[in-house]
Amino acid sequence: MIKDSMFVRTLVGCACAACFACTSLAAEDQNIPRPKAIIYFYADDLGYGDTGCYGATKIPTPHIDKLAEQGVRFTNAHSTTSVCTPSRYAVMTGEYPWRKKGVHILPGDAPLIVPTADRRMTLPSMLKKAGYKTCAVGKWHLGLGNGEIDWNKPISPNPRDVGFDESYIMAATADRVPCVYIRNGIVENLDPDDPIEISYKKKIPGVPTGREHPEALRYSCNNQHMDTIINGISRIGFMKGGKSALWKDCDLADDLTNEAIAFIEKNKETPFFLYFATNDIHTPRDPHGRFLGKSQCGIRGDAVVQLDDCLGRIVQALEKAGIKNDTLIIFSSDNGPVVIDGYYDGALKDLNGHRPSGPWKGGKYSLDEGGTRVPFIVSWPGHTADGTTSDALISQMDLAASLAALTRQTYPDGVFPDSQNLMSTLLGQKKQGRKNLVEQALSETRLAMVSGDYKYIPSSSDNRAKKKSSDAILYNLKNDPGETDNIAKKYPELVQKIHEEFLHELGTK
């Protein structure tokens, strides 16, 4: 439970009943209207340095760059975690994922880990309460059902129970079964005479795998990804049946973007919130043929170009619908980049000098800054300070409290506990962001904290230790983005001060 002082700092302007938290915009921003539409465009494994507006020179991203020109580009924005599921959980709940047991990378048949809207308010249920039609399209990876999923029947709970009116999703990642789309809890295009069977525990008889038939693979992969072969690519987990429902990897981006556009067109007269979580540039990378060779960085770079095209098509749909100027677009990524991730697709040798993490050290899975420092762009014509760059410390987790403030919503005490109302900062009206932000690596026990220009890692073994460890690490990120010079022993008083703040963030002090 977050301490009262945290709520005072986070939920500014509380003037409601004791059992409710209330958010409000700063006084100078009270005249900001509610947007007609809100779109959260959530890329997968896109690094800080993967787009032109963040320094990439060998991967053309004109649509992302244009979005930055028409909005605010953040240089100190973070996912909460350097892997996907926990970061997505934080967006939905406004809560650090390490506070909840079991929030880690999930298999494709995992039960739902996000609280259902009847138990606790979520980002989509809050916006639904505010009058927005809500829709989730793309990668879900937050679990479905209660642990025993029958993929041949309606699946419950599903995104509707979290607060989405509509959903068209992938259950997990493209490298995990089931390789099907799920519309509103029902597998799309499933033939009842060819039922789906899924197992993450044992091989299903009669199912060809990459281990047994490496000659059938389009490219090789590590042992973890050597299970069921679908579209010439072996996956994690075993799947049988459902042939009519299987997606084609090269069509994933188009399929998901088309669904998002259809939702926009259908709801152009209605306030809506679209959570559009792309598959790109997660492995296995299989961009459509029209994007092959469009970058100077091989298949991974081509997948980034495809991602950029998806954003361009979404913006075009908004323009066609006549609502672009009334739409708040937030663009980001769920964690930092990874070049080789199970599949040997030539991405490493084809980097061609490109630096996916930009100036930062590390990437996906790591506690290094490149693991959670991600691209983050906010654009809303007429309301964002267009073409500006902000170094304010922000987190995707802050969207919950910020959008609650923008839409004038209240929520019960204990909901969105770690989210801070930074709406004025997101619009570029203020320079101040968070004071501190806890970062998480793959492991739930590997934590660090960014505080001002500094990054603090309390211990190499136990990040939640209440006592300051002798092997604590302190970096000055402004002077040392590569995290090479540990200055902890030079500044013991500063280390002690930041350690106290770290314990406060953890709620152990």
Protein backbone atom coordinates (compact mmCIF):
# COMPACT_ATOMS: atom_id res chain seq x y z
CA MET A 1 0.00 0.00 0.00
CA ILE A 2 1.40 3.36 -1.03
CA LYS A 3 1.86 5.80 1.80
CA ASP A 4 -0.44 8.81 2.18
CA SER A 5 2.36 11.21 1.25
CA MET A 6 2.69 9.47 -2.08
CA PHE A 7 -0.99 10.02 -2.81
CA VAL A 8 -0.74 13.68 -1.86
CA ARG A 9 2.11 14.08 -4.33
CA THR A 10 0.54 11.94 -7.02
CA LEU A 11 -3.13 12.76 -7.01
CA VAL A 12 -3.05 16.50 -7.15
CA GLY A 13 -6.04 18.58 -6.18
CA CYS A 14 -8.04 16.05 -4.20
CA ALA A 15 -11.34 17.52 -3.10
CA CYS A 16 -13.71 14.59 -2.82
CA ALA A 17 -14.88 12.00 -0.37
CA ALA A 18 -12.26 10.24 1.73
CA CYS A 19 -12.75 6.93 -0.02
CA PHE A 20 -12.03 8.43 -3.44
CA ALA A 21 -8.92 9.83 -5.07
CA CYS A 22 -9.42 12.71 -7.43
CA THR A 23 -7.18 14.09 -10.12
CA SER A 24 -7.24 17.55 -11.64
CA LEU A 25 -5.39 19.49 -14.30
CA ALA A 26 -3.22 22.39 -13.31
CA ALA A 27 -5.11 25.66 -12.96
CA GLU A 28 -3.66 27.05 -16.19
CA ASP A 29 -4.88 24.00 -18.10
CA GLN A 30 -8.45 23.90 -16.87
CA ASN A 31 -9.67 25.12 -20.24
CA ILE A 32 -8.27 22.06 -22.07
CA PRO A 33 -11.22 20.11 -23.47
CA ARG A 34 -11.54 16.36 -23.45
CA PRO A 35 -10.23 14.83 -26.68
CA LYS A 36 -12.74 13.22 -29.00
CA ALA A 37 -10.50 10.18 -29.31
CA ILE A 38 -7.47 8.75 -27.50
CA ILE A 39 -5.11 6.28 -29.18
CA TYR A 40 -2.30 4.51 -27.40
CA PHE A 41 -0.02 3.12 -30.11
CA TYR A 42 2.12 0.51 -28.35
CA ALA A 43 5.03 -0.96 -30.32
CA ASP A 44 6.78 -4.17 -29.28
CA ASP A 45 10.56 -4.28 -28.66
CA LEU A 46 11.14 -0.94 -30.40
CA GLY A 47 14.31 0.63 -29.04
CA TYR A 48 15.05 4.22 -28.11
CA GLY A 49 17.32 4.59 -31.14
CA ASP A 50 15.21 2.74 -33.72
CA THR A 51 13.44 5.73 -35.31
CA GLY A 52 14.62 8.77 -37.20
CA CYS A 53 13.42 11.31 -34.64
CA TYR A 54 15.52 9.49 -32.03
CA GLY A 55 18.64 9.40 -34.15
CA ALA A 56 18.30 6.45 -36.54
CA THR A 57 19.80 7.15 -39.96
CA LYS A 58 19.45 3.78 -41.69
CA ILE A 59 15.80 3.03 -41.02
CA PRO A 60 13.27 5.43 -42.60
CA THR A 61 10.40 6.24 -40.24
CA PRO A 62 8.69 9.28 -41.80
CA HIS A 63 5.33 8.80 -40.07
CA ILE A 64 6.78 8.45 -36.57
CA ASP A 65 9.06 11.42 -37.26
CA LYS A 66 6.11 13.51 -38.43
CA LEU A 67 4.20 12.61 -35.28
CA ALA A 68 7.13 13.94 -33.25
CA GLU A 69 7.13 17.13 -35.32
CA GLN A 70 3.46 17.59 -34.46
CA GLY A 71 3.83 16.85 -30.76
CA VAL A 72 6.18 16.36 -27.83
CA ARG A 73 9.10 13.92 -28.02
CA PHE A 74 10.30 12.65 -24.64
CA THR A 75 13.92 11.65 -24.01
CA ASN A 76 13.50 10.34 -20.46
CA ALA A 77 10.38 8.20 -20.83
CA HIS A 78 10.26 4.63 -19.53
CA SER A 79 8.36 1.43 -19.53
CA THR A 80 8.29 0.06 -15.99
CA THR A 81 10.06 -3.12 -16.99
CA SER A 82 12.47 -4.33 -19.65
CA VAL A 83 10.05 -7.08 -20.74
CA CYS A 84 6.55 -7.05 -22.15
CA THR A 85 3.92 -8.49 -19.81
CA PRO A 86 4.88 -6.46 -16.70
CA SER A 87 5.01 -3.22 -18.70
CA ARG A 88 1.56 -3.87 -20.12
CA TYR A 89 0.24 -4.66 -16.67
CA ALA A 90 1.54 -1.30 -15.42
CA VAL A 91 -0.24 0.56 -18.23
CA MET A 92 -3.55 -1.13 -17.41
CA THR A 93 -3.33 -0.75 -13.64
CA GLY A 94 -1.14 2.27 -12.90
CA GLU A 95 0.81 0.01 -10.56
CA TYR A 96 4.41 -1.16 -10.46
CA PRO A 97 4.27 -4.79 -11.66
CA TRP A 98 6.71 -6.01 -9.01
CA ARG A 99 4.08 -5.24 -6.38
CA LYS A 100 1.95 -8.14 -7.67
CA LYS A 101 3.20 -11.72 -7.50
CA GLY A 102 3.24 -13.61 -10.78
CA VAL A 103 3.53 -10.65 -13.15
CA HIS A 104 6.20 -11.88 -15.53
CA ILE A 105 6.44 -13.05 -19.15
CA LEU A 106 3.39 -15.29 -19.59
CA PRO A 107 2.82 -18.40 -21.69
CA GLY A 108 0.02 -18.26 -24.22
CA ASP A 109 -2.40 -20.17 -22.00
CA ALA A 110 -1.86 -18.18 -18.78
CA PRO A 111 -4.86 -16.92 -16.78
CA LEU A 112 -5.75 -13.23 -16.78
CA ILE A 113 -3.49 -11.24 -14.42
CA VAL A 114 -5.12 -7.81 -14.78
CA PRO A 115 -7.89 -7.17 -12.25
CA THR A 116 -11.34 -7.34 -13.79
CA ALA A 117 -13.25 -4.09 -13.84
CA ASP A 118 -15.76 -5.34 -11.27
CA ARG A 119 -12.94 -5.86 -8.75
CA ARG A 120 -10.78 -2.85 -9.48
CA MET A 121 -10.81 0.05 -11.93
CA THR A 122 -8.41 -0.21 -14.87
CA LEU A 123 -7.31 2.29 -17.49
CA PRO A 124 -9.91 1.12 -20.05
CA SER A 125 -12.72 0.82 -17.49
CA MET A 126 -11.95 4.34 -16.25
CA LEU A 127 -12.15 5.72 -19.79
CA LYS A 128 -15.29 3.69 -20.45
CA LYS A 129 -16.81 5.31 -17.36
CA ALA A 130 -15.78 8.66 -18.86
CA GLY A 131 -17.96 7.92 -21.91
CA TYR A 132 -15.38 6.53 -24.33
CA LYS A 133 -15.99 3.46 -26.47
CA THR A 134 -13.00 1.24 -25.70
CA CYS A 135 -11.20 -1.23 -27.93
CA ALA A 136 -8.04 -3.36 -27.70
CA VAL A 137 -6.38 -4.47 -30.92
CA GLY A 138 -3.17 -6.49 -31.24
CA LYS A 139 -0.87 -8.12 -28.75
CA TRP A 140 -2.52 -8.78 -25.40
CA HIS A 141 -0.12 -10.98 -23.37
CA LEU A 142 -1.90 -10.37 -20.07
CA GLY A 143 -3.54 -13.76 -19.80
CA LEU A 144 -7.03 -15.01 -20.59
CA GLY A 145 -9.53 -17.16 -18.73
CA ASN A 146 -8.95 -18.68 -15.33
CA GLY A 147 -6.20 -21.16 -16.11
CA GLU A 148 -8.00 -23.91 -18.03
CA ILE A 149 -8.81 -22.46 -21.44
CA ASP A 150 -10.99 -24.28 -23.93
CA TRP A 151 -10.04 -22.44 -27.10
CA ASN A 152 -13.07 -23.82 -28.91
CA LYS A 153 -15.57 -22.01 -26.69
CA PRO A 154 -16.02 -18.39 -25.60
CA ILE A 155 -13.10 -17.48 -23.33
CA SER A 156 -13.82 -15.68 -20.08
CA PRO A 157 -12.54 -13.53 -18.56
CA ASN A 158 -11.18 -11.62 -21.57
CA PRO A 159 -10.43 -7.95 -22.38
CA ARG A 160 -14.14 -7.11 -22.06
CA ASP A 161 -13.92 -7.95 -18.36
CA VAL A 162 -10.97 -5.54 -18.00
CA GLY A 163 -12.96 -2.67 -19.51
CA PHE A 164 -12.71 -3.00 -23.30
CA ASP A 165 -16.00 -2.93 -25.19
CA GLU A 166 -14.36 -4.65 -28.14
CA SER A 167 -11.17 -6.60 -28.69
CA TYR A 168 -9.29 -8.28 -31.52
CA ILE A 169 -6.15 -9.73 -30.05
CA MET A 170 -3.26 -12.13 -30.12
CA ALA A 171 -3.30 -14.09 -26.87
CA ALA A 172 0.42 -13.64 -26.28
CA THR A 173 3.38 -13.18 -28.62
CA ALA A 174 3.93 -14.27 -32.20
CA ASP A 175 6.52 -16.80 -31.05
CA ARG A 176 4.01 -18.53 -28.75
CA VAL A 177 0.96 -20.62 -29.52
CA PRO A 178 -1.94 -20.23 -30.15
CA CYS A 179 -1.29 -18.47 -33.46
CA VAL A 180 -4.85 -17.24 -33.88
CA TYR A 181 -6.83 -14.04 -33.51
CA ILE A 182 -9.42 -13.78 -30.75
CA ARG A 183 -12.39 -11.45 -31.29
CA ASN A 184 -14.31 -10.56 -28.14
CA GLY A 185 -13.24 -13.78 -26.44
CA ILE A 186 -13.91 -16.09 -29.41
CA VAL A 187 -11.26 -17.50 -31.76
CA GLU A 188 -11.79 -15.97 -35.19
CA ASN A 189 -12.55 -18.24 -38.19
CA LEU A 190 -12.37 -21.45 -36.18
CA ASP A 191 -13.76 -24.59 -37.86
CA PRO A 192 -15.61 -26.59 -35.17
CA ASP A 193 -14.62 -29.78 -36.98
CA ASP A 194 -10.95 -28.90 -36.46
CA PRO A 195 -10.77 -27.98 -32.76
CA ILE A 196 -7.74 -26.35 -31.18
CA GLU A 197 -5.62 -28.16 -28.62
CA ILE A 198 -2.88 -26.27 -26.75
CA SER A 199 -0.23 -27.50 -24.33
CA TYR A 200 2.80 -25.85 -22.76
CA LYS A 201 3.60 -28.94 -20.69
CA LYS A 202 3.93 -31.83 -23.12
CA LYS A 203 4.11 -32.55 -26.85
CA ILE A 204 0.83 -33.22 -28.59
CA PRO A 205 1.01 -36.42 -30.68
CA GLY A 206 0.99 -35.87 -34.42
CA VAL A 207 2.21 -32.27 -34.24
CA PRO A 208 5.44 -31.62 -36.19
CA THR A 209 8.07 -29.69 -34.25
CA GLY A 210 11.22 -27.82 -35.13
CA ARG A 211 13.30 -30.34 -33.18
CA GLU A 212 12.06 -33.22 -35.29
CA HIS A 213 11.90 -31.40 -38.62
CA PRO A 214 14.53 -28.64 -38.79
CA GLU A 215 14.46 -28.98 -42.58
CA ALA A 216 10.91 -27.53 -42.55
CA LEU A 217 12.00 -24.28 -40.90
CA ARG A 218 12.46 -21.05 -42.83
CA TYR A 219 15.26 -20.12 -40.44
CA SER A 220 16.81 -21.72 -37.40
CA CYS A 221 16.08 -20.92 -33.78
CA ASN A 222 17.13 -21.81 -30.27
CA ASN A 223 15.84 -24.81 -28.35
CA GLN A 224 13.12 -22.85 -26.53
CA HIS A 225 11.44 -22.06 -29.85
CA MET A 226 11.65 -25.58 -31.29
CA ASP A 227 8.07 -26.67 -30.64
CA THR A 228 5.10 -26.60 -33.08
CA ILE A 229 5.84 -25.46 -36.65
CA ILE A 230 3.36 -22.93 -38.06
CA ASN A 231 3.99 -21.12 -41.36
CA GLY A 232 7.48 -22.63 -41.50
CA ILE A 233 8.36 -21.13 -38.10
CA SER A 234 8.57 -23.19 -34.92
CA ARG A 235 7.10 -21.66 -31.75
CA ILE A 236 7.11 -21.97 -27.98
CA GLY A 237 4.42 -24.46 -26.97
CA PHE A 238 2.41 -27.12 -28.76
CA MET A 239 -0.68 -26.55 -30.88
CA LYS A 240 -2.92 -28.91 -32.85
CA GLY A 241 -5.90 -28.06 -35.06
CA GLY A 242 -7.45 -24.69 -35.86
CA LYS A 243 -5.91 -24.55 -39.34
CA SER A 244 -8.60 -22.22 -40.71
CA ALA A 245 -7.98 -19.78 -37.84
CA LEU A 246 -4.20 -19.56 -38.12
CA TRP A 247 -2.72 -16.17 -38.91
CA LYS A 248 -0.09 -15.62 -41.60
CA ASP A 249 2.92 -13.96 -40.01
CA CYS A 250 3.59 -11.72 -42.99
CA ASP A 251 0.01 -10.39 -42.73
CA LEU A 252 -0.01 -9.69 -38.98
CA ALA A 253 0.69 -5.98 -39.28
CA ASP A 254 -1.94 -5.47 -41.99
CA ASP A 255 -4.56 -7.58 -40.22
CA LEU A 256 -4.22 -5.68 -36.95
CA THR A 257 -4.02 -2.26 -38.59
CA ASN A 258 -7.12 -3.01 -40.67
CA GLU A 259 -9.01 -3.89 -37.50
CA ALA A 260 -7.90 -0.68 -35.82
CA ILE A 261 -8.96 1.37 -38.86
CA ALA A 262 -12.33 -0.37 -38.98
CA PHE A 263 -12.90 0.56 -35.33
CA ILE A 264 -11.98 4.19 -36.06
CA GLU A 265 -14.33 4.37 -39.03
CA LYS A 266 -17.17 2.77 -37.10
CA ASN A 267 -16.81 5.07 -34.12
CA LYS A 268 -15.81 8.38 -35.72
CA GLU A 269 -18.94 10.01 -34.35
CA THR A 270 -18.39 8.62 -30.86
CA PRO A 271 -15.66 9.34 -28.27
CA PHE A 272 -13.32 6.35 -28.24
CA PHE A 273 -10.15 4.94 -26.72
CA LEU A 274 -8.10 2.62 -28.93
CA TYR A 275 -5.35 0.53 -27.39
CA PHE A 276 -3.37 -0.55 -30.46
CA ALA A 277 -0.58 -2.94 -29.48
CA THR A 278 1.39 -4.02 -32.52
CA ASN A 279 3.40 -7.20 -32.96
CA ASP A 280 6.32 -5.42 -34.63
CA ILE A 281 9.16 -5.67 -34.09
CA HIS A 282 8.94 -8.76 -31.90
CA THR A 283 10.33 -12.03 -33.22
CA PRO A 284 9.73 -14.02 -35.37
CA ARG A 285 10.12 -11.10 -37.75
CA ASP A 286 8.31 -11.63 -41.02
CA PRO A 287 7.48 -8.25 -42.56
CA HIS A 288 5.27 -8.19 -45.62
CA GLY A 289 7.12 -8.46 -48.92
CA ARG A 290 6.44 -4.82 -49.78
CA PHE A 291 8.73 -3.77 -46.90
CA LEU A 292 11.64 -6.11 -47.56
CA GLY A 293 14.79 -4.17 -48.37
CA LYS A 294 13.24 -0.83 -47.34
CA SER A 295 15.82 -0.28 -44.61
CA GLN A 296 19.59 -0.63 -44.51
CA CYS A 297 19.39 -2.96 -41.51
CA GLY A 298 17.99 -6.21 -42.81
CA ILE A 299 14.80 -7.88 -41.66
CA ARG A 300 14.68 -6.15 -38.27
CA GLY A 301 15.01 -2.72 -39.87
CA ASP A 302 12.36 -3.66 -42.44
CA ALA A 303 10.01 -4.59 -39.60
CA VAL A 304 10.50 -1.10 -38.13
CA VAL A 305 9.58 0.38 -41.53
CA GLN A 306 6.44 -1.77 -41.48
CA LEU A 307 5.61 -0.50 -37.99
CA ASP A 308 6.01 3.07 -39.23
CA ASP A 309 3.61 2.33 -42.09
CA CYS A 310 1.01 1.08 -39.59
CA LEU A 311 1.15 4.40 -37.74
CA GLY A 312 0.87 6.27 -41.01
CA ARG A 313 -2.24 4.33 -41.96
CA ILE A 314 -3.83 5.00 -38.56
CA VAL A 315 -3.20 8.74 -38.90
CA GLN A 316 -4.56 8.66 -42.45
CA ALA A 317 -7.73 6.98 -41.17
CA LEU A 318 -8.15 9.73 -38.58
CA GLU A 319 -7.75 12.36 -41.29
CA LYS A 320 -10.28 10.61 -43.51
CA ALA A 321 -12.72 10.43 -40.61
CA GLY A 322 -12.21 14.15 -39.96
CA ILE A 323 -11.12 13.65 -36.34
CA LYS A 324 -7.32 13.89 -36.45
CA ASN A 325 -7.28 17.28 -34.75
CA ASP A 326 -9.54 15.94 -32.03
CA THR A 327 -7.40 12.88 -31.33
CA LEU A 328 -4.72 12.50 -28.66
CA ILE A 329 -2.10 10.03 -29.93
CA ILE A 330 0.46 8.51 -27.58
CA PHE A 331 3.22 6.45 -29.18
CA SER A 332 5.65 4.25 -27.27
CA SER A 333 7.18 0.77 -26.88
CA ASP A 334 6.73 -1.89 -24.20
CA ASN A 335 10.46 -2.21 -23.51
CA GLY A 336 13.87 -1.72 -25.04
CA PRO A 337 15.21 -3.48 -28.13
CA VAL A 338 16.50 -6.99 -28.69
CA VAL A 339 18.33 -8.05 -31.84
CA ILE A 340 18.57 -11.82 -31.41
CA ASP A 341 15.62 -13.27 -29.50
CA GLY A 342 15.22 -16.95 -30.22
CA TYR A 343 15.46 -16.81 -34.00
CA TYR A 344 18.55 -16.50 -36.15
CA ASP A 345 17.20 -14.21 -38.84
CA GLY A 346 20.41 -12.33 -39.65
CA ALA A 347 19.38 -9.26 -37.65
CA LEU A 348 22.71 -9.00 -35.82
CA LYS A 349 24.95 -9.12 -38.88
CA ASP A 350 22.62 -6.71 -40.69
CA LEU A 351 22.71 -3.96 -38.05
CA ASN A 352 25.10 -2.04 -40.30
CA GLY A 353 26.21 0.29 -37.54
CA HIS A 354 22.66 0.95 -36.33
CA ARG A 355 22.30 1.29 -32.53
CA PRO A 356 18.81 0.16 -31.45
CA SER A 357 19.22 1.58 -27.92
CA GLY A 358 20.73 4.83 -29.12
CA PRO A 359 23.27 6.15 -26.59
CA TRP A 360 22.01 3.92 -23.78
CA LYS A 361 23.51 0.68 -22.53
CA GLY A 362 21.70 -2.65 -22.85
CA GLY A 363 18.21 -3.48 -24.03
CA LYS A 364 15.36 -5.91 -23.45
CA TYR A 365 15.62 -8.14 -20.33
CA SER A 366 18.34 -5.99 -18.75
CA LEU A 367 18.49 -3.55 -15.85
CA ASP A 368 20.56 -1.25 -18.05
CA GLU A 369 18.98 1.99 -19.15
CA GLY A 370 18.34 0.71 -22.67
CA GLY A 371 15.97 -1.86 -21.17
CA THR A 372 13.27 0.61 -20.13
CA ARG A 373 14.13 3.96 -21.74
CA VAL A 374 11.86 3.95 -24.77
CA PRO A 375 10.56 6.28 -27.46
CA PHE A 376 7.55 8.24 -26.27
CA ILE A 377 5.67 10.80 -28.36
CA VAL A 378 2.48 12.69 -27.51
CA SER A 379 0.60 14.52 -30.25
CA TRP A 380 -2.69 16.39 -30.09
CA PRO A 381 -3.00 19.23 -32.62
CA GLY A 382 -3.72 22.53 -30.96
CA HIS A 383 -2.94 21.24 -27.49
CA THR A 384 0.59 19.82 -27.53
CA ALA A 385 3.62 22.05 -27.79
CA ASP A 386 4.41 20.84 -31.29
CA GLY A 387 7.94 20.01 -32.33
CA THR A 388 9.31 20.18 -28.81
CA THR A 389 11.57 17.86 -26.87
CA SER A 390 11.14 17.17 -23.17
CA ASP A 391 13.64 15.58 -20.78
CA ALA A 392 11.04 15.19 -18.03
CA LEU A 393 11.11 11.82 -16.26
CA ILE A 394 7.87 10.01 -17.11
CA SER A 395 6.52 6.47 -17.18
CA GLN A 396 3.83 4.72 -19.20
CA MET A 397 2.37 3.86 -15.82
CA ASP A 398 1.46 7.56 -15.49
CA LEU A 399 -1.08 7.39 -18.30
CA ALA A 400 -3.79 6.17 -15.94
CA ALA A 401 -3.74 9.12 -13.54
CA SER A 402 -2.99 11.58 -16.34
CA LEU A 403 -5.89 10.51 -18.55
CA ALA A 404 -8.15 10.42 -15.52
CA ALA A 405 -7.29 14.07 -14.93
CA LEU A 406 -7.81 14.96 -18.58
CA THR A 407 -11.24 13.30 -18.65
CA ARG A 408 -12.16 14.62 -15.17
CA GLN A 409 -12.55 11.18 -13.62
CA THR A 410 -12.28 10.14 -9.99
CA TYR A 411 -11.31 6.71 -8.79
CA PRO A 412 -11.25 4.85 -5.46
CA ASP A 413 -8.34 5.11 -3.10
CA GLY A 414 -5.80 2.37 -3.86
CA VAL A 415 -6.53 2.38 -7.60
CA PHE A 416 -3.65 3.46 -9.90
CA PRO A 417 -1.44 3.60 -6.78
CA ASP A 418 1.87 4.37 -8.51
CA SER A 419 0.54 6.48 -11.38
CA GLN A 420 1.12 10.24 -11.27
CA ASN A 421 -0.90 12.92 -13.00
CA LEU A 422 1.58 14.38 -15.48
CA MET A 423 -0.93 15.48 -18.11
CA SER A 424 0.42 19.02 -18.34
CA THR A 425 3.91 17.58 -18.80
CA LEU A 426 2.71 15.14 -21.46
CA LEU A 427 1.19 18.04 -23.39
CA GLY A 428 4.47 19.93 -23.17
CA GLN A 429 3.04 22.67 -20.97
CA LYS A 430 5.29 21.86 -18.02
CA LYS A 431 8.90 20.71 -17.75
CA GLN A 432 8.56 18.83 -14.46
CA GLY A 433 8.09 15.10 -14.42
CA ARG A 434 8.54 12.45 -11.79
CA LYS A 435 11.15 12.80 -9.09
CA ASN A 436 11.90 9.08 -9.05
CA LEU A 437 11.05 5.97 -11.04
CA VAL A 438 11.80 2.36 -10.17
CA GLU A 439 12.98 0.23 -13.11
CA GLN A 440 12.67 -3.56 -13.31
CA ALA A 441 14.63 -6.11 -15.32
CA LEU A 442 13.43 -9.58 -16.35
CA SER A 443 13.55 -10.78 -12.75
CA GLU A 444 11.01 -9.45 -10.26
CA THR A 445 13.84 -8.91 -7.77
CA ARG A 446 16.14 -6.94 -10.05
CA LEU A 447 15.27 -3.30 -9.45
CA ALA A 448 16.95 0.04 -9.96
CA MET A 449 15.80 3.63 -9.62
CA VAL A 450 16.25 6.73 -11.75
CA SER A 451 16.41 9.90 -9.67
CA GLY A 452 17.20 13.11 -11.51
CA ASP A 453 20.42 12.60 -13.45
CA TYR A 454 21.28 9.52 -11.42
CA LYS A 455 20.59 5.82 -11.65
CA TYR A 456 20.83 3.81 -8.46
CA ILE A 457 21.15 0.03 -8.21
CA PRO A 458 21.01 -0.82 -4.51
CA SER A 459 22.56 -4.28 -4.65
CA SER A 460 23.75 -6.81 -7.18
CA SER A 461 21.95 -9.60 -5.33
CA ASP A 462 18.94 -8.30 -3.39
CA ASN A 463 17.47 -5.11 -4.79
CA ARG A 464 14.83 -4.94 -2.06
CA ALA A 465 17.25 -4.99 0.82
CA LYS A 466 16.34 -2.41 3.43
CA LYS A 467 19.98 -1.76 4.21
CA LYS A 468 22.28 -0.07 1.76
CA SER A 469 24.65 -2.65 0.32
CA SER A 470 28.40 -2.23 0.03
CA ASP A 471 28.17 -3.12 -3.66
CA ALA A 472 25.57 -0.46 -4.48
CA ILE A 473 25.95 1.20 -7.87
CA LEU A 474 25.43 4.83 -8.83
CA TYR A 475 25.70 6.24 -12.34
CA ASN A 476 25.41 9.80 -13.57
CA LEU A 477 23.32 9.18 -16.67
CA LYS A 478 23.80 12.70 -18.00
CA ASN A 479 27.58 12.28 -18.12
CA ASP A 480 27.70 8.50 -18.46
CA PRO A 481 24.81 7.12 -20.56
CA GLY A 482 26.79 3.95 -21.12
CA GLU A 483 26.74 3.19 -17.38
CA THR A 484 30.45 2.48 -17.16
CA ASP A 485 31.59 4.60 -14.19
CA ASN A 486 30.24 3.57 -10.78
CA ILE A 487 30.54 6.68 -8.62
CA ALA A 488 28.86 5.25 -5.50
CA LYS A 489 32.02 5.22 -3.39
CA LYS A 490 32.80 8.82 -4.37
CA TYR A 491 29.44 10.13 -3.15
CA PRO A 492 28.32 8.08 -0.11
CA GLU A 493 25.98 10.78 1.18
CA LEU A 494 24.21 10.99 -2.17
CA VAL A 495 23.92 7.20 -2.27
CA GLN A 496 22.35 7.20 1.20
CA LYS A 497 19.88 9.93 0.22
CA ILE A 498 18.79 8.13 -2.95
CA HIS A 499 18.59 4.82 -1.07
CA GLU A 500 16.14 6.40 1.35
CA GLU A 501 14.04 7.58 -1.59
CA PHE A 502 14.26 4.10 -3.10
CA LEU A 503 12.87 2.54 0.07
CA HIS A 504 10.09 5.12 0.04
CA GLU A 505 9.13 4.13 -3.51
CA LEU A 506 9.09 0.49 -2.47
CA GLY A 507 6.85 1.33 0.47
CA THR A 508 9.23 -0.30 2.95
CA LYS A 509 10.14 2.86 4.80
